[in-house]
Amino acid sequence: MPDAPARLQFRPARMFDWPEMARLWRVNFPNDKPGRISYHLRHYLGCIFVGCLDGRVAGFYTILPGDHPDSKVAADLAWLDFIALDPALQGRGLGRELIADAERQAAAWGYRRMEMACDRDNRQAIGINRNRGYELLDRPGSRLSWACHLTPTGPLRPPRGPLFWRRDRCLRKYVYLPIYLLLTGLRG
């Protein structure tokens, strides 16, 4: 009897995941601004989830609640901001698992709808979104916007925590930034 295909194990991201997440970011978003991953990891840690395969980070995603100051959507919507998967693991359905877990997490936080965007030439993402039943939204711009309806599994309660949306500049500058730079070897 053949073995079942490997499944991702999901958990919230931790600071010690940053080096692998930074590597996946650079591989998946090579044309992105260098400081964006630094900002993203330091400010949105409470919204980042990793998918692990055999004990190592294989991919991650970020969900921004609609009430976040940087969010692109209304307060009752969740925005699937980034999805990154190790290119060596693509083609095994793991990207679908990442999106499915993002939907589950958004529903657990009480959101009724989730939106995301992808590049117009990203045929793989377009196919996954269509197969998962996402609705293509009619919005201007260089990217395609997608939405899906969720069944909330609890009351609306966006994530909160000690590392989430820190606005204390001293704490970011003298604690989180040095830890991030030490772990990733990147510049801030």
N, C-alpha and C. Protein backbone atom coordinates (compact mmCIF):
# COMPACT_ATOMS: atom_id res chain seq x y z
N MET A 1 0.85 -1.18 0.00
CA MET A 1 0.00 0.00 0.00
C MET A 1 0.89 1.24 0.00
N PRO A 2 0.73 2.17 -0.95
CA PRO A 2 1.60 3.35 -1.01
C PRO A 2 1.32 4.30 0.16
N ASP A 3 2.38 5.01 0.52
CA ASP A 3 2.25 6.00 1.60
C ASP A 3 1.39 7.16 1.13
N ALA A 4 0.65 7.73 2.08
CA ALA A 4 -0.15 8.93 1.78
C ALA A 4 0.81 10.09 1.54
N PRO A 5 0.43 11.03 0.67
CA PRO A 5 1.32 12.18 0.44
C PRO A 5 1.50 12.98 1.73
N ALA A 6 2.66 13.56 1.86
CA ALA A 6 2.98 14.35 3.05
C ALA A 6 2.04 15.55 3.15
N ARG A 7 1.63 15.85 4.37
CA ARG A 7 0.74 17.00 4.62
C ARG A 7 1.50 18.01 5.46
N LEU A 8 1.18 19.26 5.25
CA LEU A 8 1.80 20.32 6.04
C LEU A 8 1.21 20.36 7.44
N GLN A 9 2.03 20.67 8.41
CA GLN A 9 1.60 20.91 9.78
C GLN A 9 1.67 22.41 9.99
N PHE A 10 0.56 23.03 10.40
CA PHE A 10 0.50 24.49 10.51
C PHE A 10 0.63 24.95 11.96
N ARG A 11 1.26 26.11 12.11
CA ARG A 11 1.39 26.74 13.43
C ARG A 11 1.72 28.22 13.21
N PRO A 12 1.50 29.04 14.24
CA PRO A 12 1.91 30.45 14.12
C PRO A 12 3.42 30.55 13.96
N ALA A 13 3.85 31.53 13.18
CA ALA A 13 5.28 31.75 12.98
C ALA A 13 5.94 32.23 14.27
N ARG A 14 7.21 31.87 14.42
CA ARG A 14 8.00 32.30 15.56
C ARG A 14 9.24 33.03 15.04
N MET A 15 9.87 33.76 15.92
CA MET A 15 11.07 34.51 15.50
C MET A 15 12.12 33.60 14.88
N PHE A 16 12.26 32.38 15.37
CA PHE A 16 13.29 31.49 14.86
C PHE A 16 12.95 30.92 13.48
N ASP A 17 11.75 31.22 12.99
CA ASP A 17 11.39 30.84 11.62
C ASP A 17 11.84 31.90 10.62
N TRP A 18 12.21 33.08 11.11
CA TRP A 18 12.53 34.20 10.22
C TRP A 18 13.58 33.89 9.16
N PRO A 19 14.68 33.21 9.47
CA PRO A 19 15.67 32.97 8.40
C PRO A 19 15.10 32.19 7.22
N GLU A 20 14.34 31.13 7.51
CA GLU A 20 13.76 30.34 6.42
C GLU A 20 12.67 31.12 5.71
N MET A 21 11.89 31.90 6.45
CA MET A 21 10.85 32.71 5.82
C MET A 21 11.47 33.78 4.93
N ALA A 22 12.57 34.37 5.37
CA ALA A 22 13.25 35.38 4.56
C ALA A 22 13.79 34.74 3.27
N ARG A 23 14.31 33.53 3.37
CA ARG A 23 14.80 32.83 2.18
C ARG A 23 13.64 32.56 1.21
N LEU A 24 12.52 32.06 1.74
CA LEU A 24 11.37 31.79 0.88
C LEU A 24 10.85 33.08 0.24
N TRP A 25 10.89 34.16 0.98
CA TRP A 25 10.44 35.45 0.44
C TRP A 25 11.31 35.86 -0.74
N ARG A 26 12.64 35.76 -0.55
CA ARG A 26 13.55 36.17 -1.63
C ARG A 26 13.38 35.30 -2.87
N VAL A 27 13.09 34.00 -2.69
CA VAL A 27 12.91 33.10 -3.81
C VAL A 27 11.58 33.36 -4.52
N ASN A 28 10.51 33.58 -3.74
CA ASN A 28 9.18 33.75 -4.31
C ASN A 28 8.90 35.17 -4.80
N PHE A 29 9.55 36.15 -4.21
CA PHE A 29 9.34 37.55 -4.58
C PHE A 29 10.68 38.22 -4.88
N PRO A 30 11.39 37.77 -5.93
CA PRO A 30 12.74 38.28 -6.19
C PRO A 30 12.79 39.77 -6.55
N ASN A 31 11.71 40.32 -7.06
CA ASN A 31 11.71 41.72 -7.47
C ASN A 31 11.14 42.65 -6.41
N ASP A 32 10.84 42.12 -5.25
CA ASP A 32 10.26 42.92 -4.19
C ASP A 32 11.33 43.81 -3.55
N LYS A 33 10.86 44.89 -2.91
CA LYS A 33 11.78 45.80 -2.24
C LYS A 33 12.50 45.06 -1.11
N PRO A 34 13.82 45.22 -0.96
CA PRO A 34 14.58 44.47 0.05
C PRO A 34 14.08 44.67 1.48
N GLY A 35 13.65 45.85 1.83
CA GLY A 35 13.23 46.10 3.20
C GLY A 35 11.83 45.63 3.52
N ARG A 36 11.08 45.21 2.51
CA ARG A 36 9.68 44.84 2.74
C ARG A 36 9.55 43.59 3.62
N ILE A 37 10.39 42.58 3.38
CA ILE A 37 10.31 41.38 4.21
C ILE A 37 10.68 41.72 5.65
N SER A 38 11.64 42.58 5.83
CA SER A 38 12.03 42.99 7.17
C SER A 38 10.85 43.63 7.89
N TYR A 39 10.20 44.58 7.25
CA TYR A 39 9.03 45.25 7.83
C TYR A 39 7.91 44.25 8.11
N HIS A 40 7.65 43.41 7.13
CA HIS A 40 6.56 42.45 7.21
C HIS A 40 6.73 41.51 8.41
N LEU A 41 7.91 40.93 8.54
CA LEU A 41 8.14 39.97 9.63
C LEU A 41 8.12 40.64 10.99
N ARG A 42 8.62 41.85 11.08
CA ARG A 42 8.66 42.52 12.39
C ARG A 42 7.29 43.01 12.83
N HIS A 43 6.44 43.41 11.90
CA HIS A 43 5.17 44.02 12.27
C HIS A 43 3.97 43.07 12.29
N TYR A 44 4.04 41.99 11.53
CA TYR A 44 2.87 41.14 11.39
C TYR A 44 3.06 39.74 11.94
N LEU A 45 3.95 39.55 12.88
CA LEU A 45 4.25 38.21 13.37
C LEU A 45 3.00 37.49 13.87
N GLY A 46 2.07 38.17 14.48
CA GLY A 46 0.85 37.54 14.98
C GLY A 46 -0.10 37.08 13.89
N CYS A 47 0.17 37.47 12.64
CA CYS A 47 -0.71 37.12 11.52
C CYS A 47 -0.04 36.17 10.53
N ILE A 48 1.17 35.74 10.83
CA ILE A 48 1.91 34.88 9.91
C ILE A 48 1.86 33.44 10.42
N PHE A 49 1.53 32.53 9.52
CA PHE A 49 1.48 31.11 9.87
C PHE A 49 2.39 30.35 8.93
N VAL A 50 3.09 29.37 9.47
CA VAL A 50 4.00 28.56 8.67
C VAL A 50 3.42 27.16 8.51
N GLY A 51 3.72 26.58 7.36
CA GLY A 51 3.40 25.18 7.10
C GLY A 51 4.70 24.41 7.12
N CYS A 52 4.81 23.44 8.01
CA CYS A 52 6.05 22.67 8.16
C CYS A 52 5.89 21.29 7.57
N LEU A 53 6.94 20.84 6.93
CA LEU A 53 7.00 19.51 6.35
C LEU A 53 8.27 18.86 6.86
N ASP A 54 8.13 17.74 7.52
CA ASP A 54 9.28 17.04 8.12
C ASP A 54 10.08 17.95 9.05
N GLY A 55 9.38 18.79 9.80
CA GLY A 55 10.02 19.62 10.81
C GLY A 55 10.65 20.91 10.32
N ARG A 56 10.58 21.19 9.03
CA ARG A 56 11.15 22.46 8.54
C ARG A 56 10.07 23.28 7.83
N VAL A 57 10.28 24.59 7.80
CA VAL A 57 9.31 25.49 7.19
C VAL A 57 9.31 25.27 5.67
N ALA A 58 8.15 24.88 5.15
CA ALA A 58 8.01 24.65 3.72
C ALA A 58 7.32 25.82 3.03
N GLY A 59 6.56 26.60 3.80
CA GLY A 59 5.84 27.73 3.25
C GLY A 59 5.21 28.54 4.36
N PHE A 60 4.69 29.70 3.99
CA PHE A 60 4.00 30.53 4.98
C PHE A 60 2.97 31.40 4.28
N TYR A 61 2.05 31.94 5.09
CA TYR A 61 1.06 32.88 4.60
C TYR A 61 0.81 33.92 5.67
N THR A 62 0.26 35.05 5.25
CA THR A 62 -0.06 36.15 6.16
C THR A 62 -1.51 36.55 5.95
N ILE A 63 -2.24 36.71 7.04
CA ILE A 63 -3.61 37.21 6.99
C ILE A 63 -3.64 38.54 7.73
N LEU A 64 -4.04 39.60 7.04
CA LEU A 64 -4.21 40.89 7.71
C LEU A 64 -5.68 41.11 7.99
N PRO A 65 -6.04 41.26 9.26
CA PRO A 65 -7.44 41.58 9.57
C PRO A 65 -7.81 42.93 9.00
N GLY A 66 -9.08 43.08 8.62
CA GLY A 66 -9.55 44.30 8.00
C GLY A 66 -9.41 45.54 8.85
N ASP A 67 -9.36 45.39 10.18
CA ASP A 67 -9.25 46.58 11.02
C ASP A 67 -7.81 47.01 11.25
N HIS A 68 -6.86 46.34 10.59
CA HIS A 68 -5.46 46.74 10.72
C HIS A 68 -5.21 48.02 9.94
N PRO A 69 -4.38 48.94 10.46
CA PRO A 69 -4.13 50.20 9.75
C PRO A 69 -3.58 50.03 8.33
N ASP A 70 -2.83 48.96 8.07
CA ASP A 70 -2.28 48.74 6.74
C ASP A 70 -3.18 47.89 5.85
N SER A 71 -4.33 47.49 6.35
CA SER A 71 -5.20 46.58 5.61
C SER A 71 -5.82 47.27 4.41
N LYS A 72 -6.10 46.47 3.39
CA LYS A 72 -6.68 46.98 2.14
C LYS A 72 -8.18 46.74 2.09
N VAL A 73 -8.76 46.13 3.11
CA VAL A 73 -10.17 45.73 3.06
C VAL A 73 -10.94 46.28 4.25
N ALA A 74 -12.25 46.09 4.23
CA ALA A 74 -13.13 46.56 5.30
C ALA A 74 -12.88 45.77 6.58
N ALA A 75 -13.36 46.30 7.68
CA ALA A 75 -13.08 45.72 8.99
C ALA A 75 -13.59 44.30 9.15
N ASP A 76 -14.63 43.91 8.43
CA ASP A 76 -15.16 42.55 8.61
C ASP A 76 -14.58 41.55 7.61
N LEU A 77 -13.55 41.96 6.88
CA LEU A 77 -12.90 41.09 5.91
C LEU A 77 -11.47 40.80 6.33
N ALA A 78 -11.00 39.64 5.94
CA ALA A 78 -9.59 39.30 6.13
C ALA A 78 -8.91 39.38 4.77
N TRP A 79 -7.66 39.82 4.76
CA TRP A 79 -6.90 39.95 3.52
C TRP A 79 -5.75 38.95 3.56
N LEU A 80 -5.74 38.00 2.61
CA LEU A 80 -4.64 37.05 2.50
C LEU A 80 -3.52 37.78 1.77
N ASP A 81 -2.54 38.23 2.54
CA ASP A 81 -1.55 39.16 2.03
C ASP A 81 -0.43 38.48 1.25
N PHE A 82 0.18 37.45 1.79
CA PHE A 82 1.29 36.78 1.12
C PHE A 82 1.18 35.29 1.29
N ILE A 83 1.55 34.57 0.24
CA ILE A 83 1.68 33.12 0.30
C ILE A 83 3.03 32.81 -0.34
N ALA A 84 3.85 32.05 0.36
CA ALA A 84 5.14 31.66 -0.19
C ALA A 84 5.35 30.17 0.09
N LEU A 85 5.78 29.44 -0.93
CA LEU A 85 6.04 28.01 -0.81
C LEU A 85 7.40 27.72 -1.42
N ASP A 86 8.14 26.83 -0.81
CA ASP A 86 9.44 26.43 -1.33
C ASP A 86 9.25 25.90 -2.75
N PRO A 87 9.94 26.48 -3.74
CA PRO A 87 9.76 26.04 -5.13
C PRO A 87 10.04 24.55 -5.34
N ALA A 88 10.91 23.97 -4.54
CA ALA A 88 11.21 22.54 -4.67
C ALA A 88 10.01 21.67 -4.30
N LEU A 89 9.04 22.24 -3.59
CA LEU A 89 7.87 21.48 -3.14
C LEU A 89 6.61 21.80 -3.93
N GLN A 90 6.72 22.66 -4.93
CA GLN A 90 5.54 23.03 -5.71
C GLN A 90 5.09 21.86 -6.59
N GLY A 91 3.80 21.86 -6.91
CA GLY A 91 3.25 20.80 -7.74
C GLY A 91 2.74 19.61 -6.94
N ARG A 92 2.74 19.70 -5.62
CA ARG A 92 2.28 18.60 -4.77
C ARG A 92 0.97 18.92 -4.05
N GLY A 93 0.36 20.07 -4.38
CA GLY A 93 -0.87 20.46 -3.71
C GLY A 93 -0.66 21.19 -2.39
N LEU A 94 0.59 21.52 -2.07
CA LEU A 94 0.89 22.18 -0.80
C LEU A 94 0.44 23.64 -0.81
N GLY A 95 0.44 24.28 -1.96
CA GLY A 95 -0.07 25.65 -2.06
C GLY A 95 -1.56 25.69 -1.74
N ARG A 96 -2.28 24.68 -2.20
CA ARG A 96 -3.71 24.57 -1.87
C ARG A 96 -3.90 24.39 -0.36
N GLU A 97 -3.00 23.62 0.24
CA GLU A 97 -3.07 23.43 1.70
C GLU A 97 -2.84 24.75 2.43
N LEU A 98 -1.90 25.55 1.94
CA LEU A 98 -1.64 26.86 2.56
C LEU A 98 -2.90 27.73 2.51
N ILE A 99 -3.54 27.78 1.34
CA ILE A 99 -4.74 28.60 1.19
C ILE A 99 -5.87 28.05 2.05
N ALA A 100 -6.03 26.73 2.08
CA ALA A 100 -7.09 26.13 2.89
C ALA A 100 -6.90 26.44 4.38
N ASP A 101 -5.65 26.41 4.84
CA ASP A 101 -5.41 26.72 6.24
C ASP A 101 -5.65 28.21 6.51
N ALA A 102 -5.31 29.07 5.55
CA ALA A 102 -5.58 30.50 5.72
C ALA A 102 -7.08 30.74 5.84
N GLU A 103 -7.87 30.04 5.02
CA GLU A 103 -9.32 30.16 5.11
C GLU A 103 -9.82 29.68 6.48
N ARG A 104 -9.28 28.56 6.95
CA ARG A 104 -9.67 28.03 8.25
C ARG A 104 -9.33 29.00 9.37
N GLN A 105 -8.14 29.60 9.30
CA GLN A 105 -7.71 30.54 10.33
C GLN A 105 -8.57 31.80 10.31
N ALA A 106 -8.85 32.33 9.14
CA ALA A 106 -9.69 33.52 9.04
C ALA A 106 -11.10 33.24 9.58
N ALA A 107 -11.63 32.06 9.28
CA ALA A 107 -12.96 31.70 9.79
C ALA A 107 -12.91 31.55 11.32
N ALA A 108 -11.81 31.01 11.85
CA ALA A 108 -11.67 30.86 13.30
C ALA A 108 -11.63 32.23 13.98
N TRP A 109 -11.10 33.23 13.29
CA TRP A 109 -11.07 34.59 13.84
C TRP A 109 -12.42 35.29 13.66
N GLY A 110 -13.37 34.64 12.99
CA GLY A 110 -14.71 35.19 12.85
C GLY A 110 -14.99 35.95 11.58
N TYR A 111 -14.09 35.91 10.61
CA TYR A 111 -14.31 36.65 9.37
C TYR A 111 -15.24 35.89 8.44
N ARG A 112 -16.10 36.65 7.74
CA ARG A 112 -17.08 36.06 6.83
C ARG A 112 -16.59 36.05 5.38
N ARG A 113 -15.53 36.77 5.11
CA ARG A 113 -15.04 36.90 3.73
C ARG A 113 -13.53 37.10 3.77
N MET A 114 -12.85 36.54 2.77
CA MET A 114 -11.42 36.74 2.66
C MET A 114 -11.12 37.15 1.22
N GLU A 115 -10.20 38.10 1.08
CA GLU A 115 -9.79 38.57 -0.24
C GLU A 115 -8.29 38.42 -0.40
N MET A 116 -7.87 38.32 -1.66
CA MET A 116 -6.45 38.27 -2.00
C MET A 116 -6.27 38.78 -3.41
N ALA A 117 -5.04 38.96 -3.80
CA ALA A 117 -4.73 39.40 -5.16
C ALA A 117 -3.58 38.56 -5.71
N CYS A 118 -3.51 38.48 -7.02
CA CYS A 118 -2.38 37.80 -7.66
C CYS A 118 -2.07 38.54 -8.96
N ASP A 119 -0.87 38.34 -9.45
CA ASP A 119 -0.47 38.96 -10.71
C ASP A 119 -1.30 38.36 -11.86
N ARG A 120 -1.56 39.19 -12.86
CA ARG A 120 -2.38 38.75 -14.00
C ARG A 120 -1.73 37.61 -14.79
N ASP A 121 -0.41 37.48 -14.73
CA ASP A 121 0.27 36.43 -15.48
C ASP A 121 0.59 35.19 -14.64
N ASN A 122 0.11 35.13 -13.41
CA ASN A 122 0.36 33.99 -12.53
C ASN A 122 -0.73 32.93 -12.77
N ARG A 123 -0.53 32.12 -13.80
CA ARG A 123 -1.54 31.13 -14.20
C ARG A 123 -1.80 30.10 -13.11
N GLN A 124 -0.77 29.73 -12.38
CA GLN A 124 -0.94 28.74 -11.31
C GLN A 124 -1.87 29.27 -10.22
N ALA A 125 -1.65 30.50 -9.77
CA ALA A 125 -2.50 31.09 -8.74
C ALA A 125 -3.93 31.28 -9.25
N ILE A 126 -4.07 31.70 -10.50
CA ILE A 126 -5.40 31.89 -11.08
C ILE A 126 -6.16 30.56 -11.10
N GLY A 127 -5.47 29.49 -11.50
CA GLY A 127 -6.10 28.17 -11.52
C GLY A 127 -6.51 27.69 -10.14
N ILE A 128 -5.64 27.87 -9.15
CA ILE A 128 -5.96 27.46 -7.78
C ILE A 128 -7.16 28.25 -7.27
N ASN A 129 -7.15 29.57 -7.49
CA ASN A 129 -8.25 30.40 -7.00
C ASN A 129 -9.58 29.99 -7.63
N ARG A 130 -9.58 29.73 -8.93
CA ARG A 130 -10.81 29.31 -9.60
C ARG A 130 -11.28 27.95 -9.07
N ASN A 131 -10.35 27.01 -8.91
CA ASN A 131 -10.71 25.68 -8.43
C ASN A 131 -11.23 25.70 -6.99
N ARG A 132 -10.78 26.65 -6.20
CA ARG A 132 -11.24 26.74 -4.81
C ARG A 132 -12.55 27.53 -4.71
N GLY A 133 -13.05 28.03 -5.84
CA GLY A 133 -14.33 28.72 -5.84
C GLY A 133 -14.25 30.20 -5.53
N TYR A 134 -13.07 30.79 -5.68
CA TYR A 134 -12.93 32.23 -5.44
C TYR A 134 -13.61 33.01 -6.56
N GLU A 135 -14.19 34.12 -6.18
CA GLU A 135 -14.88 34.99 -7.12
C GLU A 135 -13.88 36.06 -7.59
N LEU A 136 -13.80 36.26 -8.90
CA LEU A 136 -12.94 37.30 -9.46
C LEU A 136 -13.66 38.63 -9.33
N LEU A 137 -13.03 39.58 -8.67
CA LEU A 137 -13.63 40.89 -8.44
C LEU A 137 -13.24 41.84 -9.57
N ASP A 138 -14.15 42.71 -9.93
CA ASP A 138 -13.91 43.67 -10.99
C ASP A 138 -13.29 44.92 -10.38
N ARG A 139 -11.95 44.95 -10.33
CA ARG A 139 -11.24 46.09 -9.76
C ARG A 139 -10.15 46.53 -10.73
N PRO A 140 -9.95 47.83 -10.83
CA PRO A 140 -8.87 48.30 -11.71
C PRO A 140 -7.51 47.99 -11.08
N GLY A 141 -6.49 47.97 -11.91
CA GLY A 141 -5.14 47.76 -11.40
C GLY A 141 -4.41 46.68 -12.16
N SER A 142 -3.17 46.50 -11.80
CA SER A 142 -2.32 45.55 -12.50
C SER A 142 -2.45 44.13 -11.96
N ARG A 143 -3.19 43.97 -10.86
CA ARG A 143 -3.35 42.65 -10.26
C ARG A 143 -4.82 42.23 -10.28
N LEU A 144 -5.05 40.93 -10.23
CA LEU A 144 -6.40 40.40 -10.15
C LEU A 144 -6.79 40.23 -8.69
N SER A 145 -7.97 40.65 -8.32
CA SER A 145 -8.46 40.51 -6.94
C SER A 145 -9.48 39.38 -6.89
N TRP A 146 -9.40 38.59 -5.83
CA TRP A 146 -10.26 37.43 -5.64
C TRP A 146 -10.90 37.50 -4.26
N ALA A 147 -12.06 36.86 -4.11
CA ALA A 147 -12.73 36.82 -2.81
C ALA A 147 -13.43 35.49 -2.63
N CYS A 148 -13.54 35.07 -1.38
CA CYS A 148 -14.32 33.88 -1.05
C CYS A 148 -15.12 34.15 0.21
N HIS A 149 -16.23 33.46 0.34
CA HIS A 149 -17.05 33.57 1.53
C HIS A 149 -16.63 32.48 2.51
N LEU A 150 -16.61 32.83 3.78
CA LEU A 150 -16.22 31.90 4.83
C LEU A 150 -17.39 31.67 5.76
N THR A 151 -17.36 30.57 6.47
CA THR A 151 -18.33 30.31 7.52
C THR A 151 -17.60 30.49 8.85
N PRO A 152 -17.84 31.60 9.54
CA PRO A 152 -17.11 31.86 10.79
C PRO A 152 -17.37 30.76 11.81
N THR A 153 -16.33 30.39 12.54
CA THR A 153 -16.45 29.37 13.57
C THR A 153 -16.42 29.98 14.96
N GLY A 154 -16.48 31.30 15.03
CA GLY A 154 -16.48 31.99 16.31
C GLY A 154 -16.79 33.46 16.11
N PRO A 155 -16.83 34.22 17.20
CA PRO A 155 -17.09 35.65 17.08
C PRO A 155 -15.90 36.37 16.44
N LEU A 156 -16.18 37.55 15.87
CA LEU A 156 -15.12 38.33 15.25
C LEU A 156 -14.12 38.77 16.31
N ARG A 157 -12.91 38.23 16.24
CA ARG A 157 -11.87 38.56 17.21
C ARG A 157 -10.51 38.51 16.51
N PRO A 158 -10.09 39.63 15.96
CA PRO A 158 -8.79 39.67 15.30
C PRO A 158 -7.68 39.32 16.28
N PRO A 159 -6.56 38.85 15.75
CA PRO A 159 -5.45 38.46 16.63
C PRO A 159 -4.88 39.64 17.39
N ARG A 160 -4.47 39.38 18.60
CA ARG A 160 -3.77 40.37 19.41
C ARG A 160 -2.64 39.63 20.12
N GLY A 161 -1.64 40.33 20.48
CA GLY A 161 -0.54 39.67 21.18
C GLY A 161 0.62 40.61 21.34
N PRO A 162 1.63 40.18 22.07
CA PRO A 162 2.75 41.05 22.38
C PRO A 162 3.57 41.46 21.17
N LEU A 163 3.58 40.67 20.10
CA LEU A 163 4.38 41.00 18.93
C LEU A 163 3.54 41.48 17.76
N PHE A 164 2.28 41.76 18.00
CA PHE A 164 1.38 42.10 16.92
C PHE A 164 1.13 43.60 16.86
N TRP A 165 1.44 44.21 15.72
CA TRP A 165 1.19 45.63 15.47
C TRP A 165 1.85 46.52 16.51
N ARG A 166 3.07 46.22 16.87
CA ARG A 166 3.79 47.05 17.84
C ARG A 166 4.02 48.44 17.25
N ARG A 167 3.60 49.45 17.95
CA ARG A 167 3.83 50.82 17.51
C ARG A 167 4.90 51.49 18.37
N ASP A 168 5.46 50.78 19.30
CA ASP A 168 6.51 51.31 20.16
C ASP A 168 7.83 51.30 19.39
N ARG A 169 8.26 52.45 18.93
CA ARG A 169 9.45 52.51 18.08
C ARG A 169 10.72 52.08 18.79
N CYS A 170 10.85 52.39 20.06
CA CYS A 170 12.05 51.98 20.79
C CYS A 170 12.14 50.47 20.88
N LEU A 171 11.02 49.84 21.18
CA LEU A 171 11.00 48.39 21.27
C LEU A 171 11.36 47.77 19.92
N ARG A 172 10.79 48.29 18.84
CA ARG A 172 11.10 47.77 17.51
C ARG A 172 12.57 47.99 17.18
N LYS A 173 13.06 49.19 17.45
CA LYS A 173 14.41 49.54 17.03
C LYS A 173 15.48 48.80 17.83
N TYR A 174 15.28 48.68 19.13
CA TYR A 174 16.34 48.15 19.97
C TYR A 174 16.15 46.70 20.39
N VAL A 175 14.98 46.12 20.14
CA VAL A 175 14.77 44.72 20.50
C VAL A 175 14.47 43.88 19.26
N TYR A 176 13.35 44.14 18.58
CA TYR A 176 12.94 43.29 17.46
C TYR A 176 13.90 43.37 16.28
N LEU A 177 14.31 44.57 15.90
CA LEU A 177 15.18 44.72 14.74
C LEU A 177 16.51 43.99 14.93
N PRO A 178 17.22 44.16 16.05
CA PRO A 178 18.48 43.42 16.21
C PRO A 178 18.28 41.90 16.20
N ILE A 179 17.20 41.42 16.80
CA ILE A 179 16.94 39.98 16.79
C ILE A 179 16.70 39.52 15.36
N TYR A 180 15.89 40.28 14.62
CA TYR A 180 15.60 39.94 13.24
C TYR A 180 16.89 39.92 12.41
N LEU A 181 17.71 40.94 12.55
CA LEU A 181 18.95 41.01 11.76
C LEU A 181 19.90 39.87 12.13
N LEU A 182 19.95 39.55 13.40
CA LEU A 182 20.81 38.45 13.85
C LEU A 182 20.35 37.13 13.25
N LEU A 183 19.06 36.88 13.26
CA LEU A 183 18.53 35.61 12.79
C LEU A 183 18.57 35.46 11.27
N THR A 184 18.35 36.55 10.56
CA THR A 184 18.26 36.46 9.09
C THR A 184 19.54 36.85 8.36
N GLY A 185 20.35 37.66 8.98
CA GLY A 185 21.53 38.17 8.30
C GLY A 185 21.18 39.23 7.27
N LEU A 186 19.94 39.72 7.30
CA LEU A 186 19.51 40.76 6.36
C LEU A 186 19.74 42.15 6.97
N ARG A 187 19.66 43.13 6.11
CA ARG A 187 19.73 44.51 6.59
C ARG A 187 18.32 45.02 6.82
N GLY A 188 18.17 45.92 7.79
CA GLY A 188 16.84 46.44 8.16
C GLY A 188 16.27 47.42 7.22
